[in-house]
Amino acid sequence: MNQAARALEALPSVGAIRVSLDWQRIGEELDTHGCAVLSGALSGKDCATLTKNYSDDKLFRSRVVMSRHNFGRGEYKYFAYPLPKPIAALRSMLYPPLAGIANRWNAAMGIGVRYPDEHAGYLERCHAAGQTRPTPLMLRYGAGDYNCLHQDLYGEYVFPLQVAFLLSEPGRDFSGGEFVLTEQRPRMQSRVEVVPLGRGDGVIFPVHQRPVKGARGFYRVNLRHGVSRLRSGHRHALGIIFHDAR
């Protein structure tokens, strides 16, 4: 294990997230806006160590160059099992309160699926269905790069919320590169949400759909997310997805 990888394994704050999360606020913002920001979730040390480890291919199972697949421009890498301890801890720590929100959303949308209290129980479902490849990932963009609007669907089992953490400093490390959500509402024009993030901030957002309350009760809206074009510099991000892939 090289020095950067040892530093990653030793990070104390990634697994715990340094801020005290107000899950009532988070749930209300997700209900109202379709996303919620975790301000200052990761420290500068966390961000620097994670970014440095992007070059260590032994930590990852695959590398995707977006332009080869018409996904945009830039690249990303999926972590391999066993996940680095801080990445696994983030998954395990964030999942239980998000599962509560996901269960409430499914009930509102008339979807019968319910999610177990602990992430290990949900991964058992994924793995039994042949979804065994880990999905946490790191992304790297340079000047002119962007990520097309998309949904991270990797098989039959899809956990409906995910989290992205910005590891670079806007205005210093890069310009442009805003995180973007679009919401396609039935018989209405699409709504766009641009989410301003600072270094170490996270954003929770739907993978696929969420409930919105209308005059006749709740209805489903579809969402996609992406990253606008970088004007300059380099941008790194960490993505925490809770379902595994086929």
Protein backbone atom coordinates (compact mmCIF):
# COMPACT_ATOMS: atom_id res chain seq x y z
CA MET A 1 0.00 0.00 0.00
CA ASN A 2 1.49 3.36 -1.04
CA GLN A 3 1.59 6.47 1.13
CA ALA A 4 -1.51 8.06 -0.42
CA ALA A 5 -3.53 4.86 0.04
CA ARG A 6 -2.41 4.58 3.67
CA ALA A 7 -3.50 8.18 4.22
CA LEU A 8 -6.89 7.37 2.72
CA GLU A 9 -7.41 4.40 5.04
CA ALA A 10 -6.43 6.54 8.02
CA LEU A 11 -8.85 9.41 7.37
CA PRO A 12 -10.97 9.80 10.52
CA SER A 13 -13.52 12.31 9.30
CA VAL A 14 -14.71 10.86 5.99
CA GLY A 15 -16.54 7.98 7.66
CA ALA A 16 -18.10 10.14 10.36
CA ILE A 17 -18.73 13.34 8.31
CA ARG A 18 -17.60 16.25 10.42
CA VAL A 19 -20.92 18.06 10.51
CA SER A 20 -23.96 17.12 12.54
CA LEU A 21 -26.55 16.32 9.91
CA ASP A 22 -30.05 17.70 10.39
CA TRP A 23 -32.07 14.94 8.78
CA GLN A 24 -35.38 16.75 9.26
CA ARG A 25 -34.03 19.68 7.22
CA ILE A 26 -32.54 17.33 4.65
CA GLY A 27 -35.84 15.49 4.23
CA GLU A 28 -37.78 18.74 3.87
CA GLU A 29 -35.35 20.08 1.25
CA LEU A 30 -35.49 16.83 -0.71
CA ASP A 31 -39.30 16.96 -0.62
CA THR A 32 -39.42 20.60 -1.71
CA HIS A 33 -36.48 21.01 -4.08
CA GLY A 34 -35.39 17.49 -5.00
CA CYS A 35 -31.93 17.94 -3.47
CA ALA A 36 -30.24 18.84 -0.19
CA VAL A 37 -26.74 20.22 0.39
CA LEU A 38 -24.41 18.93 3.15
CA SER A 39 -22.27 22.01 3.76
CA GLY A 40 -18.67 21.32 4.81
CA ALA A 41 -19.27 17.58 5.04
CA LEU A 42 -15.65 16.70 4.19
CA SER A 43 -12.56 18.48 5.43
CA GLY A 44 -9.86 19.94 3.20
CA LYS A 45 -7.62 17.04 4.25
CA ASP A 46 -10.31 14.54 3.25
CA CYS A 47 -10.69 16.18 -0.15
CA ALA A 48 -6.94 16.39 -0.81
CA THR A 49 -6.35 12.76 0.17
CA LEU A 50 -9.23 11.45 -1.92
CA THR A 51 -8.10 13.47 -4.93
CA LYS A 52 -4.51 12.24 -4.60
CA ASN A 53 -5.72 8.63 -4.63
CA TYR A 54 -7.44 9.03 -8.00
CA SER A 55 -4.16 8.03 -9.66
CA ASP A 56 -3.90 4.74 -7.73
CA ASP A 57 -5.50 2.25 -10.14
CA LYS A 58 -5.28 -0.56 -7.58
CA LEU A 59 -8.20 1.04 -5.72
CA PHE A 60 -10.53 0.86 -8.73
CA ARG A 61 -12.22 -1.86 -10.78
CA SER A 62 -12.68 0.13 -14.00
CA ARG A 63 -12.08 3.47 -15.71
CA VAL A 64 -14.61 5.10 -18.03
CA VAL A 65 -13.67 7.77 -20.58
CA MET A 66 -16.95 9.59 -21.14
CA SER A 67 -16.36 10.65 -24.74
CA ARG A 68 -16.06 7.00 -25.85
CA HIS A 69 -19.66 6.38 -24.80
CA ASN A 70 -21.18 9.79 -25.62
CA PHE A 71 -21.56 10.45 -21.88
CA GLY A 72 -19.82 13.82 -22.15
CA ARG A 73 -16.14 14.62 -21.64
CA GLY A 74 -13.93 13.72 -18.71
CA GLU A 75 -13.52 10.39 -16.96
CA TYR A 76 -14.44 8.45 -13.84
CA LYS A 77 -13.34 5.34 -11.98
CA TYR A 78 -15.40 2.86 -9.97
CA PHE A 79 -13.89 1.68 -6.69
CA ALA A 80 -13.22 -2.05 -6.33
CA TYR A 81 -14.22 -4.31 -3.46
CA PRO A 82 -13.08 -4.27 -0.75
CA LEU A 83 -13.87 -0.57 -0.68
CA PRO A 84 -11.43 1.74 1.12
CA LYS A 85 -12.64 1.93 4.72
CA PRO A 86 -13.72 5.61 4.56
CA ILE A 87 -15.78 5.01 1.41
CA ALA A 88 -17.46 1.96 2.92
CA ALA A 89 -18.11 3.95 6.11
CA LEU A 90 -19.76 6.76 4.16
CA ARG A 91 -22.08 4.27 2.48
CA SER A 92 -22.99 2.60 5.77
CA MET A 93 -23.45 5.85 7.70
CA LEU A 94 -25.55 7.72 5.14
CA TYR A 95 -27.79 4.83 4.12
CA PRO A 96 -30.08 4.37 7.19
CA PRO A 97 -31.60 7.90 7.30
CA LEU A 98 -31.83 7.94 3.51
CA ALA A 99 -33.64 4.59 3.61
CA GLY A 100 -36.26 6.20 5.83
CA ILE A 101 -36.78 8.98 3.28
CA ALA A 102 -36.82 6.46 0.42
CA ASN A 103 -39.47 4.34 2.16
CA ARG A 104 -41.62 7.41 2.75
CA TRP A 105 -41.26 8.42 -0.91
CA ASN A 106 -42.19 4.96 -2.16
CA ALA A 107 -45.29 4.96 0.02
CA ALA A 108 -46.31 8.36 -1.41
CA MET A 109 -45.81 7.10 -4.98
CA GLY A 110 -47.65 3.83 -4.40
CA ILE A 111 -44.49 1.74 -4.86
CA GLY A 112 -44.47 -1.45 -2.77
CA VAL A 113 -40.69 -1.73 -2.35
CA ARG A 114 -39.32 -1.03 1.13
CA TYR A 115 -35.65 -0.78 2.06
CA PRO A 116 -34.02 -2.52 5.04
CA ASP A 117 -32.67 -0.45 7.91
CA GLU A 118 -29.00 -1.24 7.28
CA HIS A 119 -27.01 -1.03 4.06
CA ALA A 120 -25.64 -4.56 4.42
CA GLY A 121 -29.18 -5.89 4.17
CA TYR A 122 -29.82 -3.94 1.00
CA LEU A 123 -26.57 -5.14 -0.58
CA GLU A 124 -27.69 -8.72 0.08
CA ARG A 125 -30.70 -8.05 -2.17
CA CYS A 126 -28.49 -6.58 -4.88
CA HIS A 127 -25.99 -9.43 -4.77
CA ALA A 128 -28.71 -12.09 -4.81
CA ALA A 129 -29.97 -10.50 -8.04
CA GLY A 130 -26.50 -10.60 -9.62
CA GLN A 131 -25.66 -6.93 -8.90
CA THR A 132 -22.27 -7.50 -7.29
CA ARG A 133 -20.02 -4.76 -8.67
CA PRO A 134 -19.46 -1.75 -6.39
CA THR A 135 -20.63 1.63 -7.66
CA PRO A 136 -18.94 4.34 -5.50
CA LEU A 137 -16.79 6.32 -7.90
CA MET A 138 -14.50 9.27 -8.39
CA LEU A 139 -14.80 11.67 -11.32
CA ARG A 140 -12.21 13.94 -12.93
CA TYR A 141 -12.88 16.82 -15.32
CA GLY A 142 -10.55 19.20 -17.13
CA ALA A 143 -11.17 22.40 -19.08
CA GLY A 144 -13.96 21.84 -21.61
CA ASP A 145 -15.22 18.67 -19.92
CA TYR A 146 -18.82 18.07 -18.89
CA ASN A 147 -21.18 15.27 -17.85
CA CYS A 148 -24.38 14.79 -19.85
CA LEU A 149 -27.68 14.54 -18.01
CA HIS A 150 -28.19 10.92 -16.94
CA GLN A 151 -29.48 8.48 -14.32
CA ASP A 152 -27.27 5.96 -12.51
CA LEU A 153 -29.36 2.84 -13.05
CA TYR A 154 -27.32 -0.36 -12.92
CA GLY A 155 -29.85 -3.17 -12.70
CA GLU A 156 -33.23 -4.18 -11.30
CA TYR A 157 -32.42 -2.95 -7.80
CA VAL A 158 -32.00 0.82 -7.59
CA PHE A 159 -31.75 2.72 -4.32
CA PRO A 160 -33.55 6.01 -5.04
CA LEU A 161 -31.06 8.49 -3.51
CA GLN A 162 -27.35 9.11 -3.96
CA VAL A 163 -24.73 11.60 -2.79
CA ALA A 164 -22.00 13.52 -4.62
CA PHE A 165 -19.15 15.34 -2.85
CA LEU A 166 -17.12 18.10 -4.49
CA LEU A 167 -13.40 17.63 -3.77
CA SER A 168 -12.05 20.71 -5.58
CA GLU A 169 -12.35 24.42 -4.80
CA PRO A 170 -14.49 26.48 -7.21
CA GLY A 171 -12.75 29.66 -8.29
CA ARG A 172 -9.34 28.31 -7.31
CA ASP A 173 -9.05 24.82 -8.82
CA PHE A 174 -11.62 25.29 -11.58
CA SER A 175 -14.34 27.52 -13.00
CA GLY A 176 -17.67 26.45 -14.45
CA GLY A 177 -18.53 22.83 -13.74
CA GLU A 178 -21.78 23.38 -11.84
CA PHE A 179 -23.83 20.44 -10.60
CA VAL A 180 -27.18 20.42 -12.43
CA LEU A 181 -30.49 18.60 -11.88
CA THR A 182 -33.42 18.56 -14.28
CA GLU A 183 -36.92 17.50 -13.31
CA GLN A 184 -39.34 16.31 -15.98
CA ARG A 185 -42.88 16.92 -14.79
CA PRO A 186 -45.94 15.34 -16.49
CA ARG A 187 -47.53 17.65 -19.07
CA MET A 188 -45.27 20.52 -17.96
CA GLN A 189 -41.95 21.98 -19.01
CA SER A 190 -38.84 20.64 -17.29
CA ARG A 191 -37.48 22.37 -14.20
CA VAL A 192 -33.73 22.98 -13.77
CA GLU A 193 -31.90 23.18 -10.44
CA VAL A 194 -28.27 24.42 -10.41
CA VAL A 195 -26.68 23.45 -7.09
CA PRO A 196 -23.78 25.66 -5.93
CA LEU A 197 -21.20 23.61 -4.02
CA GLY A 198 -17.97 24.47 -2.24
CA ARG A 199 -15.03 22.18 -1.63
CA GLY A 200 -16.10 19.45 0.80
CA ASP A 201 -19.83 20.01 0.29
CA GLY A 202 -22.09 17.12 -0.59
CA VAL A 203 -25.42 17.05 -2.39
CA ILE A 204 -28.11 14.40 -1.90
CA PHE A 205 -30.40 13.91 -4.90
CA PRO A 206 -32.70 11.32 -6.49
CA VAL A 207 -31.32 8.68 -8.82
CA HIS A 208 -34.46 8.38 -10.91
CA GLN A 209 -37.71 9.81 -9.55
CA ARG A 210 -39.35 11.45 -6.55
CA PRO A 211 -42.89 12.25 -5.39
CA VAL A 212 -44.35 15.74 -5.81
CA LYS A 213 -47.65 16.71 -4.20
CA GLY A 214 -50.28 18.03 -6.58
CA ALA A 215 -53.94 18.95 -6.29
CA ARG A 216 -54.97 15.28 -6.51
CA GLY A 217 -52.26 13.80 -4.36
CA PHE A 218 -48.70 12.76 -5.13
CA TYR A 219 -47.37 12.14 -8.62
CA ARG A 220 -43.97 11.00 -9.87
CA VAL A 221 -41.40 13.19 -11.56
CA ASN A 222 -38.28 11.92 -13.34
CA LEU A 223 -34.90 13.49 -12.67
CA ARG A 224 -31.53 13.52 -14.38
CA HIS A 225 -28.26 15.01 -13.19
CA GLY A 226 -25.04 16.20 -14.79
CA VAL A 227 -22.20 18.70 -14.66
CA SER A 228 -21.96 21.80 -16.84
CA ARG A 229 -18.86 22.57 -18.92
CA LEU A 230 -15.67 23.44 -17.07
CA ARG A 231 -14.28 26.78 -18.18
CA SER A 232 -10.82 26.18 -16.71
CA GLY A 233 -8.82 24.03 -14.30
CA HIS A 234 -9.60 20.58 -12.92
CA ARG A 235 -12.56 19.30 -10.91
CA HIS A 236 -12.68 16.09 -8.84
CA ALA A 237 -15.78 14.62 -7.19
CA LEU A 238 -16.74 11.56 -5.17
CA GLY A 239 -20.00 9.75 -5.85
CA ILE A 240 -21.70 7.49 -3.29
CA ILE A 241 -24.28 5.19 -4.91
CA PHE A 242 -25.95 2.65 -2.65
CA HIS A 243 -26.98 -0.08 -5.10
CA ASP A 244 -24.37 -2.28 -6.77
CA ALA A 245 -24.19 -2.99 -10.50
CA ARG A 246 -24.46 -6.04 -12.71
